Amino acid sequence: GYIFENPEEVKSFAEDFTGPTTAFLYKMAKKTGATIQGG
């Protein structure tokens, strides 16, 4: 989602490229055969 309460909440969602979002997109890439871009 887009809105955060404050910078502290933003940091609580911060991740690197070993985090859950990249892992999820990798899972979807293998399922669809596509290269996938996501925020």
PDB file of all heavy atoms in Angstrom:
ATOM      1  N   GLY A   1       0.831  -1.180   0.000  1.00  0.00           N
ATOM      2  CA  GLY A   1       0.000   0.000   0.000  1.00  0.00           C
ATOM      3  C   GLY A   1       0.872   1.239   0.000  1.00  0.00           C
ATOM      4  O   GLY A   1       2.097   1.164   0.144  1.00  0.00           O
ATOM      5  N   TYR A   2       0.229   2.391  -0.154  1.00  0.00           N
ATOM      6  CA  TYR A   2       0.985   3.623  -0.417  1.00  0.00           C
ATOM      7  C   TYR A   2       1.238   4.476   0.819  1.00  0.00           C
ATOM      8  O   TYR A   2       2.328   5.032   0.983  1.00  0.00           O
ATOM      9  CB  TYR A   2       0.235   4.455  -1.462  1.00  0.00           C
ATOM     10  CG  TYR A   2       0.929   5.746  -1.808  1.00  0.00           C
ATOM     11  CD1 TYR A   2       2.060   5.751  -2.613  1.00  0.00           C
ATOM     12  CD2 TYR A   2       0.456   6.965  -1.324  1.00  0.00           C
ATOM     13  CE1 TYR A   2       2.716   6.935  -2.934  1.00  0.00           C
ATOM     14  CE2 TYR A   2       1.098   8.157  -1.637  1.00  0.00           C
ATOM     15  CZ  TYR A   2       2.225   8.138  -2.442  1.00  0.00           C
ATOM     16  OH  TYR A   2       2.873   9.310  -2.758  1.00  0.00           O
ATOM     17  N   ILE A   3       0.246   4.626   1.703  1.00  0.00           N
ATOM     18  CA  ILE A   3       0.365   5.603   2.796  1.00  0.00           C
ATOM     19  C   ILE A   3       1.000   4.964   4.023  1.00  0.00           C
ATOM     20  O   ILE A   3       0.620   3.858   4.437  1.00  0.00           O
ATOM     21  CB  ILE A   3      -1.013   6.191   3.160  1.00  0.00           C
ATOM     22  CG1 ILE A   3      -1.659   6.867   1.950  1.00  0.00           C
ATOM     23  CG2 ILE A   3      -0.870   7.209   4.297  1.00  0.00           C
ATOM     24  CD1 ILE A   3      -3.062   7.407   2.214  1.00  0.00           C
ATOM     25  N   PHE A   4       1.930   5.696   4.634  1.00  0.00           N
ATOM     26  CA  PHE A   4       2.581   5.263   5.872  1.00  0.00           C
ATOM     27  C   PHE A   4       2.341   6.315   6.953  1.00  0.00           C
ATOM     28  O   PHE A   4       2.269   7.518   6.676  1.00  0.00           O
ATOM     29  CB  PHE A   4       4.080   5.082   5.645  1.00  0.00           C
ATOM     30  CG  PHE A   4       4.400   4.073   4.567  1.00  0.00           C
ATOM     31  CD1 PHE A   4       4.575   4.482   3.259  1.00  0.00           C
ATOM     32  CD2 PHE A   4       4.502   2.725   4.863  1.00  0.00           C
ATOM     33  CE1 PHE A   4       4.861   3.563   2.252  1.00  0.00           C
ATOM     34  CE2 PHE A   4       4.784   1.799   3.873  1.00  0.00           C
ATOM     35  CZ  PHE A   4       4.958   2.218   2.557  1.00  0.00           C
ATOM     36  N   GLU A   5       2.245   5.862   8.186  1.00  0.00           N
ATOM     37  CA  GLU A   5       2.015   6.793   9.299  1.00  0.00           C
ATOM     38  C   GLU A   5       3.186   7.740   9.495  1.00  0.00           C
ATOM     39  O   GLU A   5       3.016   8.929   9.777  1.00  0.00           O
ATOM     40  CB  GLU A   5       1.766   6.009  10.601  1.00  0.00           C
ATOM     41  CG  GLU A   5       0.421   5.311  10.672  1.00  0.00           C
ATOM     42  CD  GLU A   5      -0.720   6.268  10.933  1.00  0.00           C
ATOM     43  OE1 GLU A   5      -0.475   7.454  11.215  1.00  0.00           O
ATOM     44  OE2 GLU A   5      -1.877   5.814  10.841  1.00  0.00           O
ATOM     45  N   ASN A   6       4.390   7.212   9.369  1.00  0.00           N
ATOM     46  CA  ASN A   6       5.597   7.979   9.676  1.00  0.00           C
ATOM     47  C   ASN A   6       6.816   7.224   9.137  1.00  0.00           C
ATOM     48  O   ASN A   6       6.693   6.070   8.684  1.00  0.00           O
ATOM     49  CB  ASN A   6       5.716   8.193  11.191  1.00  0.00           C
ATOM     50  CG  ASN A   6       5.514   6.908  11.966  1.00  0.00           C
ATOM     51  OD1 ASN A   6       6.131   5.882  11.671  1.00  0.00           O
ATOM     52  ND2 ASN A   6       4.630   6.940  12.959  1.00  0.00           N
ATOM     53  N   PRO A   7       7.997   7.826   9.190  1.00  0.00           N
ATOM     54  CA  PRO A   7       9.205   7.140   8.695  1.00  0.00           C
ATOM     55  C   PRO A   7       9.490   5.827   9.416  1.00  0.00           C
ATOM     56  O   PRO A   7      10.049   4.904   8.815  1.00  0.00           O
ATOM     57  CB  PRO A   7      10.311   8.166   8.940  1.00  0.00           C
ATOM     58  CG  PRO A   7       9.619   9.494   8.908  1.00  0.00           C
ATOM     59  CD  PRO A   7       8.271   9.240   9.525  1.00  0.00           C
ATOM     60  N   GLU A   8       9.088   5.729  10.669  1.00  0.00           N
ATOM     61  CA  GLU A   8       9.321   4.484  11.406  1.00  0.00           C
ATOM     62  C   GLU A   8       8.515   3.330  10.810  1.00  0.00           C
ATOM     63  O   GLU A   8       9.011   2.198  10.697  1.00  0.00           O
ATOM     64  CB  GLU A   8       8.964   4.668  12.891  1.00  0.00           C
ATOM     65  CG  GLU A   8       9.944   5.533  13.668  1.00  0.00           C
ATOM     66  CD  GLU A   8       9.942   6.993  13.242  1.00  0.00           C
ATOM     67  OE1 GLU A   8       8.848   7.513  12.905  1.00  0.00           O
ATOM     68  OE2 GLU A   8      11.035   7.599  13.223  1.00  0.00           O
ATOM     69  N   GLU A   9       7.274   3.611  10.428  1.00  0.00           N
ATOM     70  CA  GLU A   9       6.485   2.556   9.798  1.00  0.00           C
ATOM     71  C   GLU A   9       7.085   2.174   8.449  1.00  0.00           C
ATOM     72  O   GLU A   9       7.111   0.998   8.081  1.00  0.00           O
ATOM     73  CB  GLU A   9       5.023   2.978   9.619  1.00  0.00           C
ATOM     74  CG  GLU A   9       4.185   1.820   9.071  1.00  0.00           C
ATOM     75  CD  GLU A   9       2.746   2.192   8.782  1.00  0.00           C
ATOM     76  OE1 GLU A   9       2.438   3.392   8.648  1.00  0.00           O
ATOM     77  OE2 GLU A   9       1.927   1.255   8.674  1.00  0.00           O
ATOM     78  N   VAL A  10       7.555   3.154   7.692  1.00  0.00           N
ATOM     79  CA  VAL A  10       8.203   2.851   6.410  1.00  0.00           C
ATOM     80  C   VAL A  10       9.351   1.871   6.627  1.00  0.00           C
ATOM     81  O   VAL A  10       9.487   0.864   5.925  1.00  0.00           O
ATOM     82  CB  VAL A  10       8.710   4.138   5.741  1.00  0.00           C
ATOM     83  CG1 VAL A  10       9.414   3.799   4.428  1.00  0.00           C
ATOM     84  CG2 VAL A  10       7.568   5.110   5.482  1.00  0.00           C
ATOM     85  N   LYS A  11      10.185   2.155   7.630  1.00  0.00           N
ATOM     86  CA  LYS A  11      11.347   1.294   7.907  1.00  0.00           C
ATOM     87  C   LYS A  11      10.922  -0.121   8.283  1.00  0.00           C
ATOM     88  O   LYS A  11      11.630  -1.081   7.994  1.00  0.00           O
ATOM     89  CB  LYS A  11      12.187   1.907   9.029  1.00  0.00           C
ATOM     90  CG  LYS A  11      12.922   3.168   8.617  1.00  0.00           C
ATOM     91  CD  LYS A  11      13.697   3.772   9.778  1.00  0.00           C
ATOM     92  CE  LYS A  11      14.376   5.076   9.388  1.00  0.00           C
ATOM     93  NZ  LYS A  11      15.083   5.696  10.536  1.00  0.00           N
ATOM     94  N   SER A  12       9.754  -0.249   8.894  1.00  0.00           N
ATOM     95  CA  SER A  12       9.300  -1.587   9.296  1.00  0.00           C
ATOM     96  C   SER A  12       8.968  -2.457   8.090  1.00  0.00           C
ATOM     97  O   SER A  12       8.943  -3.690   8.199  1.00  0.00           O
ATOM     98  CB  SER A  12       8.078  -1.480  10.217  1.00  0.00           C
ATOM     99  OG  SER A  12       6.908  -1.118   9.494  1.00  0.00           O
ATOM    100  N   PHE A  13       8.715  -1.840   6.938  1.00  0.00           N
ATOM    101  CA  PHE A  13       8.441  -2.594   5.711  1.00  0.00           C
ATOM    102  C   PHE A  13       9.665  -2.714   4.808  1.00  0.00           C
ATOM    103  O   PHE A  13       9.601  -3.385   3.772  1.00  0.00           O
ATOM    104  CB  PHE A  13       7.303  -1.929   4.922  1.00  0.00           C
ATOM    105  CG  PHE A  13       5.956  -2.126   5.537  1.00  0.00           C
ATOM    106  CD1 PHE A  13       5.339  -1.092   6.223  1.00  0.00           C
ATOM    107  CD2 PHE A  13       5.301  -3.346   5.439  1.00  0.00           C
ATOM    108  CE1 PHE A  13       4.085  -1.261   6.802  1.00  0.00           C
ATOM    109  CE2 PHE A  13       4.050  -3.531   6.012  1.00  0.00           C
ATOM    110  CZ  PHE A  13       3.439  -2.488   6.698  1.00  0.00           C
ATOM    111  N   ALA A  14      10.757  -2.070   5.180  1.00  0.00           N
ATOM    112  CA  ALA A  14      11.928  -2.042   4.305  1.00  0.00           C
ATOM    113  C   ALA A  14      12.582  -3.419   4.223  1.00  0.00           C
ATOM    114  O   ALA A  14      12.675  -4.143   5.217  1.00  0.00           O
ATOM    115  CB  ALA A  14      12.928  -0.999   4.804  1.00  0.00           C
ATOM    116  N   GLU A  15      13.043  -3.768   3.029  1.00  0.00           N
ATOM    117  CA  GLU A  15      13.669  -5.066   2.802  1.00  0.00           C
ATOM    118  C   GLU A  15      14.732  -4.931   1.720  1.00  0.00           C
ATOM    119  O   GLU A  15      14.729  -3.973   0.939  1.00  0.00           O
ATOM    120  CB  GLU A  15      12.625  -6.101   2.393  1.00  0.00           C
ATOM    121  CG  GLU A  15      11.800  -5.680   1.178  1.00  0.00           C
ATOM    122  CD  GLU A  15      10.707  -6.684   0.835  1.00  0.00           C
ATOM    123  OE1 GLU A  15      11.046  -7.704   0.200  1.00  0.00           O
ATOM    124  OE2 GLU A  15       9.536  -6.428   1.186  1.00  0.00           O
ATOM    125  N   ASP A  16      15.630  -5.888   1.667  1.00  0.00           N
ATOM    126  CA  ASP A  16      16.599  -5.910   0.577  1.00  0.00           C
ATOM    127  C   ASP A  16      16.155  -6.937  -0.454  1.00  0.00           C
ATOM    128  O   ASP A  16      15.007  -7.397  -0.437  1.00  0.00           O
ATOM    129  CB  ASP A  16      18.015  -6.178   1.102  1.00  0.00           C
ATOM    130  CG  ASP A  16      18.143  -7.535   1.791  1.00  0.00           C
ATOM    131  OD1 ASP A  16      17.267  -8.415   1.595  1.00  0.00           O
ATOM    132  OD2 ASP A  16      19.128  -7.726   2.530  1.00  0.00           O
ATOM    133  N   PHE A  17      17.062  -7.325  -1.342  1.00  0.00           N
ATOM    134  CA  PHE A  17      16.670  -8.207  -2.442  1.00  0.00           C
ATOM    135  C   PHE A  17      16.629  -9.678  -2.054  1.00  0.00           C
ATOM    136  O   PHE A  17      16.373 -10.534  -2.900  1.00  0.00           O
ATOM    137  CB  PHE A  17      17.598  -7.965  -3.636  1.00  0.00           C
ATOM    138  CG  PHE A  17      17.509  -6.559  -4.147  1.00  0.00           C
ATOM    139  CD1 PHE A  17      18.471  -5.625  -3.821  1.00  0.00           C
ATOM    140  CD2 PHE A  17      16.432  -6.160  -4.924  1.00  0.00           C
ATOM    141  CE1 PHE A  17      18.374  -4.325  -4.270  1.00  0.00           C
ATOM    142  CE2 PHE A  17      16.324  -4.853  -5.381  1.00  0.00           C
ATOM    143  CZ  PHE A  17      17.301  -3.933  -5.055  1.00  0.00           C
ATOM    144  N   THR A  18      16.850  -9.951  -0.778  1.00  0.00           N
ATOM    145  CA  THR A  18      16.614 -11.300  -0.259  1.00  0.00           C
ATOM    146  C   THR A  18      15.285 -11.356   0.493  1.00  0.00           C
ATOM    147  O   THR A  18      14.951 -12.376   1.078  1.00  0.00           O
ATOM    148  CB  THR A  18      17.746 -11.740   0.685  1.00  0.00           C
ATOM    149  OG1 THR A  18      17.743 -10.891   1.856  1.00  0.00           O
ATOM    150  CG2 THR A  18      19.098 -11.639   0.005  1.00  0.00           C
ATOM    151  N   GLY A  19      14.533 -10.242   0.457  1.00  0.00           N
ATOM    152  CA  GLY A  19      13.306 -10.136   1.241  1.00  0.00           C
ATOM    153  C   GLY A  19      12.097 -10.755   0.561  1.00  0.00           C
ATOM    154  O   GLY A  19      12.177 -11.325  -0.534  1.00  0.00           O
ATOM    155  N   PRO A  20      10.931 -10.617   1.183  1.00  0.00           N
ATOM    156  CA  PRO A  20       9.726 -11.317   0.718  1.00  0.00           C
ATOM    157  C   PRO A  20       9.211 -10.855  -0.645  1.00  0.00           C
ATOM    158  O   PRO A  20       8.659 -11.658  -1.392  1.00  0.00           O
ATOM    159  CB  PRO A  20       8.698 -11.026   1.818  1.00  0.00           C
ATOM    160  CG  PRO A  20       9.211  -9.832   2.540  1.00  0.00           C
ATOM    161  CD  PRO A  20      10.694  -9.908   2.458  1.00  0.00           C
ATOM    162  N   THR A  21       9.391  -9.576  -0.990  1.00  0.00           N
ATOM    163  CA  THR A  21       8.842  -9.113  -2.266  1.00  0.00           C
ATOM    164  C   THR A  21       9.610  -9.692  -3.449  1.00  0.00           C
ATOM    165  O   THR A  21       9.008 -10.212  -4.407  1.00  0.00           O
ATOM    166  CB  THR A  21       8.842  -7.576  -2.331  1.00  0.00           C
ATOM    167  OG1 THR A  21       8.042  -7.066  -1.251  1.00  0.00           O
ATOM    168  CG2 THR A  21       8.252  -7.088  -3.651  1.00  0.00           C
ATOM    169  N   THR A  22      10.933  -9.629  -3.399  1.00  0.00           N
ATOM    170  CA  THR A  22      11.720 -10.214  -4.486  1.00  0.00           C
ATOM    171  C   THR A  22      11.486 -11.717  -4.557  1.00  0.00           C
ATOM    172  O   THR A  22      11.377 -12.291  -5.648  1.00  0.00           O
ATOM    173  CB  THR A  22      13.210  -9.898  -4.304  1.00  0.00           C
ATOM    174  OG1 THR A  22      13.393  -8.468  -4.338  1.00  0.00           O
ATOM    175  CG2 THR A  22      14.046 -10.517  -5.409  1.00  0.00           C
ATOM    176  N   ALA A  23      11.371 -12.367  -3.404  1.00  0.00           N
ATOM    177  CA  ALA A  23      11.104 -13.811  -3.387  1.00  0.00           C
ATOM    178  C   ALA A  23       9.755 -14.120  -4.025  1.00  0.00           C
ATOM    179  O   ALA A  23       9.618 -15.082  -4.798  1.00  0.00           O
ATOM    180  CB  ALA A  23      11.153 -14.337  -1.952  1.00  0.00           C
ATOM    181  N   PHE A  24       8.747 -13.308  -3.728  1.00  0.00           N
ATOM    182  CA  PHE A  24       7.426 -13.522  -4.332  1.00  0.00           C
ATOM    183  C   PHE A  24       7.466 -13.311  -5.837  1.00  0.00           C
ATOM    184  O   PHE A  24       6.903 -14.102  -6.614  1.00  0.00           O
ATOM    185  CB  PHE A  24       6.402 -12.569  -3.702  1.00  0.00           C
ATOM    186  CG  PHE A  24       5.093 -12.551  -4.414  1.00  0.00           C
ATOM    187  CD1 PHE A  24       4.216 -13.616  -4.332  1.00  0.00           C
ATOM    188  CD2 PHE A  24       4.734 -11.461  -5.215  1.00  0.00           C
ATOM    189  CE1 PHE A  24       3.004 -13.609  -5.013  1.00  0.00           C
ATOM    190  CE2 PHE A  24       3.525 -11.453  -5.898  1.00  0.00           C
ATOM    191  CZ  PHE A  24       2.664 -12.530  -5.799  1.00  0.00           C
ATOM    192  N   LEU A  25       8.136 -12.259  -6.284  1.00  0.00           N
ATOM    193  CA  LEU A  25       8.203 -12.000  -7.718  1.00  0.00           C
ATOM    194  C   LEU A  25       8.972 -13.104  -8.443  1.00  0.00           C
ATOM    195  O   LEU A  25       8.638 -13.460  -9.584  1.00  0.00           O
ATOM    196  CB  LEU A  25       8.834 -10.637  -7.982  1.00  0.00           C
ATOM    197  CG  LEU A  25       8.003  -9.435  -7.510  1.00  0.00           C
ATOM    198  CD1 LEU A  25       8.737  -8.135  -7.793  1.00  0.00           C
ATOM    199  CD2 LEU A  25       6.635  -9.419  -8.170  1.00  0.00           C
ATOM    200  N   TYR A  26       9.966 -13.665  -7.786  1.00  0.00           N
ATOM    201  CA  TYR A  26      10.699 -14.799  -8.380  1.00  0.00           C
ATOM    202  C   TYR A  26       9.766 -15.999  -8.544  1.00  0.00           C
ATOM    203  O   TYR A  26       9.752 -16.674  -9.580  1.00  0.00           O
ATOM    204  CB  TYR A  26      11.890 -15.146  -7.498  1.00  0.00           C
ATOM    205  CG  TYR A  26      12.705 -16.331  -7.971  1.00  0.00           C
ATOM    206  CD1 TYR A  26      13.136 -16.432  -9.289  1.00  0.00           C
ATOM    207  CD2 TYR A  26      13.049 -17.346  -7.087  1.00  0.00           C
ATOM    208  CE1 TYR A  26      13.887 -17.511  -9.718  1.00  0.00           C
ATOM    209  CE2 TYR A  26      13.807 -18.427  -7.501  1.00  0.00           C
ATOM    210  CZ  TYR A  26      14.213 -18.506  -8.826  1.00  0.00           C
ATOM    211  OH  TYR A  26      14.950 -19.581  -9.243  1.00  0.00           O
ATOM    212  N   LYS A  27       8.943 -16.239  -7.531  1.00  0.00           N
ATOM    213  CA  LYS A  27       7.952 -17.312  -7.602  1.00  0.00           C
ATOM    214  C   LYS A  27       6.994 -17.082  -8.769  1.00  0.00           C
ATOM    215  O   LYS A  27       6.694 -17.999  -9.544  1.00  0.00           O
ATOM    216  CB  LYS A  27       7.177 -17.367  -6.282  1.00  0.00           C
ATOM    217  CG  LYS A  27       6.011 -18.346  -6.248  1.00  0.00           C
ATOM    218  CD  LYS A  27       5.276 -18.224  -4.908  1.00  0.00           C
ATOM    219  CE  LYS A  27       4.007 -19.049  -4.885  1.00  0.00           C
ATOM    220  NZ  LYS A  27       3.261 -18.883  -3.611  1.00  0.00           N
ATOM    221  N   MET A  28       6.529 -15.841  -8.930  1.00  0.00           N
ATOM    222  CA  MET A  28       5.605 -15.523 -10.017  1.00  0.00           C
ATOM    223  C   MET A  28       6.302 -15.584 -11.377  1.00  0.00           C
ATOM    224  O   MET A  28       5.686 -15.963 -12.382  1.00  0.00           O
ATOM    225  CB  MET A  28       5.003 -14.135  -9.805  1.00  0.00           C
ATOM    226  CG  MET A  28       4.023 -14.037  -8.646  1.00  0.00           C
ATOM    227  SD  MET A  28       2.558 -15.093  -8.874  1.00  0.00           S
ATOM    228  CE  MET A  28       3.054 -16.544  -7.957  1.00  0.00           C
ATOM    229  N   ALA A  29       7.555 -15.198 -11.418  1.00  0.00           N
ATOM    230  CA  ALA A  29       8.300 -15.270 -12.675  1.00  0.00           C
ATOM    231  C   ALA A  29       8.403 -16.710 -13.154  1.00  0.00           C
ATOM    232  O   ALA A  29       8.229 -17.002 -14.348  1.00  0.00           O
ATOM    233  CB  ALA A  29       9.685 -14.653 -12.501  1.00  0.00           C
ATOM    234  N   LYS A  30       8.658 -17.622 -12.234  1.00  0.00           N
ATOM    235  CA  LYS A  30       8.762 -19.034 -12.620  1.00  0.00           C
ATOM    236  C   LYS A  30       7.404 -19.579 -13.058  1.00  0.00           C
ATOM    237  O   LYS A  30       7.326 -20.398 -13.982  1.00  0.00           O
ATOM    238  CB  LYS A  30       9.326 -19.846 -11.452  1.00  0.00           C
ATOM    239  CG  LYS A  30      10.800 -19.580 -11.192  1.00  0.00           C
ATOM    240  CD  LYS A  30      11.412 -20.573 -10.235  1.00  0.00           C
ATOM    241  CE  LYS A  30      10.866 -20.394  -8.826  1.00  0.00           C
ATOM    242  NZ  LYS A  30      11.523 -21.321  -7.868  1.00  0.00           N
ATOM    243  N   LYS A  31       6.324 -19.111 -12.426  1.00  0.00           N
ATOM    244  CA  LYS A  31       4.993 -19.602 -12.785  1.00  0.00           C
ATOM    245  C   LYS A  31       4.527 -19.084 -14.139  1.00  0.00           C
ATOM    246  O   LYS A  31       3.859 -19.796 -14.894  1.00  0.00           O
ATOM    247  CB  LYS A  31       3.973 -19.199 -11.715  1.00  0.00           C
ATOM    248  CG  LYS A  31       3.988 -20.065 -10.477  1.00  0.00           C
ATOM    249  CD  LYS A  31       2.759 -19.796  -9.624  1.00  0.00           C
ATOM    250  CE  LYS A  31       2.636 -20.813  -8.495  1.00  0.00           C
ATOM    251  NZ  LYS A  31       1.383 -20.632  -7.727  1.00  0.00           N
ATOM    252  N   THR A  32       4.841 -17.834 -14.434  1.00  0.00           N
ATOM    253  CA  THR A  32       4.335 -17.202 -15.655  1.00  0.00           C
ATOM    254  C   THR A  32       5.320 -17.288 -16.814  1.00  0.00           C
ATOM    255  O   THR A  32       4.935 -17.062 -17.968  1.00  0.00           O
ATOM    256  CB  THR A  32       4.036 -15.712 -15.405  1.00  0.00           C
ATOM    257  OG1 THR A  32       5.257 -15.054 -15.012  1.00  0.00           O
ATOM    258  CG2 THR A  32       2.983 -15.531 -14.314  1.00  0.00           C
ATOM    259  N   GLY A  33       6.583 -17.571 -16.500  1.00  0.00           N
ATOM    260  CA  GLY A  33       7.626 -17.534 -17.523  1.00  0.00           C
ATOM    261  C   GLY A  33       8.077 -16.129 -17.856  1.00  0.00           C
ATOM    262  O   GLY A  33       8.880 -15.920 -18.772  1.00  0.00           O
ATOM    263  N   ALA A  34       7.582 -15.144 -17.122  1.00  0.00           N
ATOM    264  CA  ALA A  34       7.843 -13.737 -17.432  1.00  0.00           C
ATOM    265  C   ALA A  34       8.914 -13.149 -16.525  1.00  0.00           C
ATOM    266  O   ALA A  34       9.083 -13.563 -15.379  1.00  0.00           O
ATOM    267  CB  ALA A  34       6.558 -12.923 -17.272  1.00  0.00           C
ATOM    268  N   THR A  35       9.600 -12.162 -17.036  1.00  0.00           N
ATOM    269  CA  THR A  35      10.338 -11.243 -16.179  1.00  0.00           C
ATOM    270  C   THR A  35       9.317 -10.271 -15.601  1.00  0.00           C
ATOM    271  O   THR A  35       8.442  -9.782 -16.320  1.00  0.00           O
ATOM    272  CB  THR A  35      11.411 -10.494 -16.982  1.00  0.00           C
ATOM    273  OG1 THR A  35      12.372 -11.446 -17.455  1.00  0.00           O
ATOM    274  CG2 THR A  35      12.110  -9.456 -16.129  1.00  0.00           C
ATOM    275  N   ILE A  36       9.408  -9.997 -14.298  1.00  0.00           N
ATOM    276  CA  ILE A  36       8.374  -9.208 -13.619  1.00  0.00           C
ATOM    277  C   ILE A  36       9.016  -8.046 -12.859  1.00  0.00           C
ATOM    278  O   ILE A  36      10.016  -8.218 -12.158  1.00  0.00           O
ATOM    279  CB  ILE A  36       7.557 -10.084 -12.646  1.00  0.00           C
ATOM    280  CG1 ILE A  36       6.902 -11.254 -13.394  1.00  0.00           C
ATOM    281  CG2 ILE A  36       6.489  -9.242 -11.955  1.00  0.00           C
ATOM    282  CD1 ILE A  36       6.043 -12.139 -12.519  1.00  0.00           C
ATOM    283  N   GLN A  37       8.410  -6.884 -12.991  1.00  0.00           N
ATOM    284  CA  GLN A  37       8.813  -5.694 -12.242  1.00  0.00           C
ATOM    285  C   GLN A  37       7.730  -5.341 -11.237  1.00  0.00           C
ATOM    286  O   GLN A  37       6.547  -5.312 -11.571  1.00  0.00           O
ATOM    287  CB  GLN A  37       9.027  -4.524 -13.197  1.00  0.00           C
ATOM    288  CG  GLN A  37       9.247  -3.177 -12.508  1.00  0.00           C
ATOM    289  CD  GLN A  37       9.505  -2.065 -13.499  1.00  0.00           C
ATOM    290  OE1 GLN A  37      10.346  -2.193 -14.395  1.00  0.00           O
ATOM    291  NE2 GLN A  37       8.802  -0.958 -13.370  1.00  0.00           N
ATOM    292  N   GLY A  38       8.131  -5.067  -9.995  1.00  0.00           N
ATOM    293  CA  GLY A  38       7.164  -4.668  -8.980  1.00  0.00           C
ATOM    294  C   GLY A  38       7.789  -3.751  -7.950  1.00  0.00           C
ATOM    295  O   GLY A  38       8.985  -3.838  -7.664  1.00  0.00           O
ATOM    296  N   GLY A  39       6.969  -2.872  -7.365  1.00  0.00           N
ATOM    297  CA  GLY A  39       7.469  -1.890  -6.414  1.00  0.00           C
ATOM    298  C   GLY A  39       7.560  -2.425  -4.999  1.00  0.00           C
ATOM    299  O   GLY A  39       6.762  -3.273  -4.587  1.00  0.00           O
TER     300      GLY A  39
END
